Amino acid sequence: MKVYVDADACPVKQTIMTIAGEFAVPVVIVKSFSHFSPADDPAGVETVYVDTGAEAADYRIMQLVQTGDIIITQDYGLASLGLAKDCTVLHHKGFAYTNTNIDQLLQTRYLNAMARKSGKRTKGPKAFTSEDEAAFSRLFRETLDARLA
């Protein structure tokens, strides 16, 4: 089992690396070359760089991921693909994507896109809070506990 992180806009990368390190679970950070860093990865962490294209990180994650891996993303499309591949998929705000909630999330995304296309304004995501980080941390620990039990 590995943890794959859709990392370009992920505010919990450090939390992921810390908690996964406690459980000795490898982490693969996937991000675009525009976020390149010459810093060495911590032990147990690998960084994969991709082109800056719209879904380049998503495509690369889907090439690398295997059944039973964990994906952390805020992208509903990637979450849907990960669920289809029998992966556990988590959002950085502390909820798990499931086969029960993914259709509604995708439908809401579609309706918002159509509204924006017709000139209407839609609300963006709420700001990431310390409560969100705590919820993610709890969920990630619980997920690793359950998977490694």
Protein backbone atom coordinates (compact mmCIF):
# COMPACT_ATOMS: atom_id res chain seq x y z
CA MET A 1 0.00 0.00 0.00
CA LYS A 2 1.14 3.51 -0.89
CA VAL A 3 -0.32 6.96 -0.40
CA TYR A 4 -0.55 9.09 -3.55
CA VAL A 5 -0.97 12.84 -3.12
CA ASP A 6 -2.37 15.13 -5.81
CA ALA A 7 -0.04 17.77 -4.45
CA ASP A 8 -0.19 21.01 -6.45
CA ALA A 9 -2.89 22.57 -4.26
CA CYS A 10 -2.78 20.23 -1.28
CA PRO A 11 -2.47 22.07 2.05
CA VAL A 12 -1.82 18.92 4.11
CA LYS A 13 1.33 17.53 2.47
CA GLN A 14 3.39 17.86 5.65
CA THR A 15 0.66 16.23 7.74
CA ILE A 16 0.47 13.34 5.26
CA MET A 17 4.23 12.81 5.32
CA THR A 18 4.37 12.94 9.12
CA ILE A 19 1.51 10.54 9.76
CA ALA A 20 2.47 8.13 6.96
CA GLY A 21 6.01 8.12 8.36
CA GLU A 22 4.69 7.08 11.77
CA PHE A 23 2.98 4.12 10.09
CA ALA A 24 5.95 3.41 7.75
CA VAL A 25 3.69 3.77 4.70
CA PRO A 26 5.38 5.11 1.53
CA VAL A 27 4.12 8.40 0.11
CA VAL A 28 4.26 9.49 -3.53
CA ILE A 29 3.81 13.22 -4.07
CA VAL A 30 2.71 14.02 -7.64
CA LYS A 31 3.06 17.66 -8.70
CA SER A 32 3.81 19.76 -11.74
CA PHE A 33 7.25 20.98 -12.73
CA SER A 34 6.05 24.51 -11.93
CA HIS A 35 6.27 23.46 -8.26
CA PHE A 36 9.77 22.01 -8.56
CA SER A 37 11.91 22.00 -5.44
CA PRO A 38 15.57 20.95 -5.26
CA ALA A 39 15.06 19.86 -1.62
CA ASP A 40 15.54 16.18 -0.88
CA ASP A 41 12.47 14.14 -0.05
CA PRO A 42 12.16 12.88 3.51
CA ALA A 43 12.61 9.14 4.08
CA GLY A 44 9.67 7.18 2.69
CA VAL A 45 8.59 9.99 0.36
CA GLU A 46 9.04 10.10 -3.41
CA THR A 47 8.20 13.09 -5.59
CA VAL A 48 7.03 12.57 -9.16
CA TYR A 49 6.99 15.65 -11.39
CA VAL A 50 4.61 15.98 -14.34
CA ASP A 51 3.97 18.54 -17.07
CA THR A 52 1.90 21.57 -16.17
CA GLY A 53 -1.13 20.40 -18.18
CA ALA A 54 -4.60 20.51 -16.65
CA GLU A 55 -4.92 16.87 -15.59
CA ALA A 56 -1.31 15.73 -15.89
CA ALA A 57 -1.02 14.86 -12.19
CA ASP A 58 -4.34 13.01 -12.26
CA TYR A 59 -3.30 10.89 -15.26
CA ARG A 60 0.05 10.07 -13.68
CA ILE A 61 -1.53 9.07 -10.39
CA MET A 62 -3.92 6.76 -12.23
CA GLN A 63 -0.96 5.17 -14.05
CA LEU A 64 0.86 4.54 -10.77
CA VAL A 65 -1.91 3.64 -8.33
CA GLN A 66 -2.92 0.06 -7.61
CA THR A 67 -5.95 -1.48 -5.94
CA GLY A 68 -5.78 -0.87 -2.20
CA ASP A 69 -3.69 2.31 -2.37
CA ILE A 70 -4.78 5.60 -0.81
CA ILE A 71 -5.26 8.75 -2.91
CA ILE A 72 -5.52 12.22 -1.40
CA THR A 73 -7.07 14.79 -3.72
CA GLN A 74 -9.59 17.58 -3.92
CA ASP A 75 -10.38 16.67 -7.54
CA TYR A 76 -13.72 14.88 -7.83
CA GLY A 77 -12.85 13.40 -11.23
CA LEU A 78 -9.67 11.82 -9.90
CA ALA A 79 -11.57 10.65 -6.83
CA SER A 80 -14.12 8.92 -9.06
CA LEU A 81 -11.39 7.15 -11.04
CA GLY A 82 -9.63 6.12 -7.84
CA LEU A 83 -12.82 4.64 -6.40
CA ALA A 84 -13.34 2.68 -9.62
CA LYS A 85 -9.88 1.20 -9.09
CA ASP A 86 -10.82 0.14 -5.52
CA CYS A 87 -8.61 2.72 -3.82
CA THR A 88 -9.41 4.62 -0.65
CA VAL A 89 -9.79 8.28 -1.62
CA LEU A 90 -9.64 11.12 0.92
CA HIS A 91 -10.21 14.86 0.66
CA HIS A 92 -7.85 17.21 2.52
CA LYS A 93 -10.80 18.73 4.39
CA GLY A 94 -11.34 15.47 6.25
CA PHE A 95 -13.92 13.40 4.40
CA ALA A 96 -13.70 10.20 2.41
CA TYR A 97 -15.03 9.93 -1.12
CA THR A 98 -17.32 6.93 -1.41
CA ASN A 99 -19.39 5.25 -4.10
CA THR A 100 -22.37 6.76 -2.26
CA ASN A 101 -21.28 10.43 -2.31
CA ILE A 102 -19.22 10.71 -5.52
CA ASP A 103 -22.18 10.96 -7.91
CA GLN A 104 -23.65 13.90 -6.00
CA LEU A 105 -20.26 15.64 -5.84
CA LEU A 106 -19.74 15.20 -9.60
CA GLN A 107 -23.29 16.42 -10.33
CA THR A 108 -22.76 19.54 -8.21
CA ARG A 109 -19.46 20.23 -9.99
CA TYR A 110 -21.19 19.87 -13.38
CA LEU A 111 -24.07 22.16 -12.45
CA ASN A 112 -21.67 24.81 -11.14
CA ALA A 113 -19.63 24.61 -14.35
CA MET A 114 -22.79 25.06 -16.44
CA ALA A 115 -23.84 28.03 -14.32
CA ARG A 116 -20.43 29.67 -14.76
CA LYS A 117 -20.55 28.98 -18.50
CA SER A 118 -23.87 30.84 -18.71
CA GLY A 119 -22.36 33.84 -16.93
CA LYS A 120 -23.55 33.22 -13.39
CA ARG A 121 -21.24 33.44 -10.42
CA THR A 122 -20.79 30.49 -8.12
CA LYS A 123 -19.21 30.29 -4.71
CA GLY A 124 -15.66 29.00 -4.55
CA PRO A 125 -14.49 26.56 -1.90
CA LYS A 126 -14.46 27.75 1.70
CA ALA A 127 -11.08 28.65 3.14
CA PHE A 128 -9.05 25.80 4.62
CA THR A 129 -9.16 25.96 8.42
CA SER A 130 -7.34 24.40 11.34
CA GLU A 131 -10.53 22.41 12.00
CA ASP A 132 -10.28 21.00 8.46
CA GLU A 133 -6.67 20.01 9.10
CA ALA A 134 -7.63 18.32 12.38
CA ALA A 135 -10.48 16.45 10.67
CA PHE A 136 -8.14 15.28 7.90
CA SER A 137 -5.49 14.21 10.40
CA ARG A 138 -8.05 12.14 12.36
CA LEU A 139 -9.47 10.56 9.20
CA PHE A 140 -6.03 9.74 7.78
CA ARG A 141 -4.89 8.13 11.05
CA GLU A 142 -8.12 6.13 11.31
CA THR A 143 -7.78 5.02 7.69
CA LEU A 144 -4.20 3.84 8.17
CA ASP A 145 -5.10 2.14 11.48
CA ALA A 146 -7.92 0.24 9.80
CA ARG A 147 -5.89 -0.67 6.72
CA LEU A 148 -2.89 -1.92 8.71
CA ALA A 149 -4.84 -3.75 11.44
